[in-house]
Amino acid sequence: MILHAQAKHGKPGLPWLVFLHGFSGDCHEWQEVGEAFADYSRLYVDLPGHGGSATISVDGFDDVTAYCVKRWLVTTYLTSGWWGTRLADGWR
């Protein structure tokens, strides 16, 4: 799976903030907002078929969620545009 994201590192020990864009957006959509939380590590994800990420079917959202958690994250807080909630809904 090719999933592009940009990580900005904050202070160690704090949870990650994950930003998911809306339809037709990309990882840059939330970066201005995210800078207000510079103490926290932030992950700006290009959802499948957007930005630098490969296209996958809608059935693949659970796989995208599992990939993000396994690759990057331990403790997270999510924020998303309306389209990004499809992925956030599977985050457990």
Protein backbone atom coordinates (compact mmCIF):
# COMPACT_ATOMS: atom_id res chain seq x y z
CA MET A 1 0.00 0.00 0.00
CA ILE A 2 1.34 3.42 -0.92
CA LEU A 3 0.10 5.92 1.63
CA HIS A 4 1.73 9.33 1.80
CA ALA A 5 1.81 11.38 4.98
CA GLN A 6 3.84 14.19 6.47
CA ALA A 7 4.95 13.89 10.08
CA LYS A 8 5.91 16.84 12.25
CA HIS A 9 7.52 15.86 15.53
CA GLY A 10 6.68 17.53 18.82
CA LYS A 11 7.71 16.84 22.39
CA PRO A 12 8.36 13.18 23.25
CA GLY A 13 5.72 11.43 25.35
CA LEU A 14 2.74 13.42 24.10
CA PRO A 15 0.10 11.70 21.93
CA TRP A 16 0.05 12.11 18.18
CA LEU A 17 -2.55 14.29 16.48
CA VAL A 18 -3.73 12.84 13.16
CA PHE A 19 -5.26 15.15 10.57
CA LEU A 20 -7.44 13.72 7.78
CA HIS A 21 -8.49 15.96 4.92
CA GLY A 22 -11.88 16.21 3.26
CA PHE A 23 -12.90 15.16 -0.26
CA SER A 24 -10.47 16.31 -2.97
CA GLY A 25 -8.03 17.66 -0.35
CA ASP A 26 -4.57 16.50 0.64
CA CYS A 27 -2.20 16.48 3.61
CA HIS A 28 -1.72 20.24 3.43
CA GLU A 29 -5.37 21.01 4.27
CA TRP A 30 -4.92 20.95 8.07
CA GLN A 31 -1.29 22.06 8.43
CA GLU A 32 -2.08 25.67 9.34
CA VAL A 33 -4.41 24.47 12.10
CA GLY A 34 -1.91 21.84 13.23
CA GLU A 35 0.82 24.42 13.78
CA ALA A 36 -1.19 25.70 16.75
CA PHE A 37 -0.37 22.37 18.42
CA ALA A 38 3.40 22.40 17.87
CA ASP A 39 4.09 20.64 21.19
CA TYR A 40 2.36 17.53 19.81
CA SER A 41 3.60 15.30 17.03
CA ARG A 42 1.28 15.67 14.05
CA LEU A 43 0.55 13.35 11.16
CA TYR A 44 -1.05 14.82 8.03
CA VAL A 45 -2.30 11.95 5.86
CA ASP A 46 -3.03 11.93 2.13
CA LEU A 47 -6.07 9.66 1.99
CA PRO A 48 -6.17 7.02 -0.76
CA GLY A 49 -6.42 8.56 -4.22
CA HIS A 50 -5.33 12.01 -3.01
CA GLY A 51 -2.00 13.83 -2.94
CA GLY A 52 0.86 11.33 -2.98
CA SER A 53 -1.22 8.28 -1.96
CA ALA A 54 -2.22 5.49 -4.32
CA THR A 55 -5.86 4.85 -5.16
CA ILE A 56 -7.57 1.96 -3.37
CA SER A 57 -11.19 0.87 -3.18
CA VAL A 58 -13.50 2.12 -0.44
CA ASP A 59 -13.35 -1.42 1.00
CA GLY A 60 -9.73 -0.65 1.88
CA PHE A 61 -10.33 1.92 4.63
CA ASP A 62 -9.88 -0.62 7.43
CA ASP A 63 -6.53 -1.58 5.91
CA VAL A 64 -5.50 2.08 5.76
CA THR A 65 -6.41 2.55 9.43
CA ALA A 66 -4.45 -0.54 10.50
CA TYR A 67 -1.46 0.54 8.41
CA CYS A 68 -1.36 4.01 10.01
CA VAL A 69 -1.58 2.63 13.54
CA LYS A 70 1.05 -0.04 12.94
CA ARG A 71 3.51 2.21 11.11
CA TRP A 72 3.32 5.48 13.00
CA LEU A 73 1.17 5.63 16.05
CA VAL A 74 0.64 4.53 19.61
CA THR A 75 -1.69 7.10 21.23
CA THR A 76 -3.64 9.35 18.89
CA TYR A 77 -6.28 12.03 18.61
CA LEU A 78 -8.00 12.48 15.26
CA THR A 79 -9.46 15.44 13.47
CA SER A 80 -10.88 15.24 9.99
CA GLY A 81 -12.92 16.81 7.27
CA TRP A 82 -16.23 15.15 6.51
CA TRP A 83 -14.71 12.71 4.01
CA GLY A 84 -11.88 11.77 6.38
CA THR A 85 -14.43 10.51 8.89
CA ARG A 86 -14.76 7.31 6.81
CA LEU A 87 -11.23 6.45 7.91
CA ALA A 88 -11.55 7.92 11.41
CA ASP A 89 -14.68 5.83 12.01
CA GLY A 90 -12.58 2.67 11.86
CA TRP A 91 -9.87 3.97 14.22
CA ARG A 92 -9.98 1.98 17.46
